[in-house]
Amino acid sequence: MSKPSDGAAPRRIAMWSGPRNISTAMMRSFSSRADCAVSDEPFYGCFLRESGADHPMRDAVIASMDCDWRSVADTLAGPAPGNAMVWYQKHMPHHMVGPIAPDDLRGAVHAFLIRDPARMAASYAAKRESVTPADLGVAAQRAFFDREADRIGSAPPVIDSADVLNDPAGTLRRLCDALGIDWDEAMLAWPAGRHPDDGVWAAHWYGRVEASTGFGSAEQETVSLPDALARVADACRDDYEALSRWRLRAA
């Protein structure tokens, strides 16, 4: 793994997404770079312990992780694993319910991965019986996006999963440019199977990604939802559309 020059800080990328949003495939993509370390939802254990949320594998997740908010934040602000030049941190904004907020993660380029909420709701319901708008995290994404845009004076990078799947190379090239890192063709492929940096929850959530060796084909079919799930998706629609206005597209 390539290392930064003496005294240089890693390029920290905090990618904020909802669940069932190719977020793990994106983590695989970045992990394929020789210069990049990755972290898989480092605040998930903190969220589960703080909120009491009844998620699959809750006890195993908590037991496997550092669940002290400030300790995790300090780690994320420290040296990158392996002293890597780039550090990709996969986060979910609706997990940030403790004393540390997304805004507290300084020294990072904050970016946002979005997906049509109907597709998110359908995929989430296949893995967990109960689905609420808060579970999809789109409102939390938008709220943090607005605060970060105000802080830096411009829109932070936003990419849509549909654009990634339609044109992985073109969309990721635009993303890399916005993040201030070089584009790397290695980001288009990865080995099948579990990644050593996957969270313990991979056993429940990551089956499809573990079978993949690259981004899947573009999503063509429309999504038909039962009424209850349609209401969940509709509740997220305005926030998704607000973020979608800023999405990066392939040149």
Foldseek 3Di string as FASTA:
>chain_A
DDADDPPDAAAEEEEAFAPPFCLVLLQQLQVLDPQEAEAEAQQQLLLCVVVVDDDPPNVVQVVVHDNDVVVSLVVSVDQAVVNGNYYYYYHYQLSPPDPDHPVNNPSHQYEYEYEQLLSVLVLVCVQDVDDALSNRRLVSVLVVQVVVCVVVVHGGAYAYSLQCQAPVQQQVCQVCVSSVHHDDPSSFFGAAADDPNDGPCCVRRVVVVNRGGGRDHHDDDDHDDDPVSVVRSVVSVVSRVVRVVRHDHGD
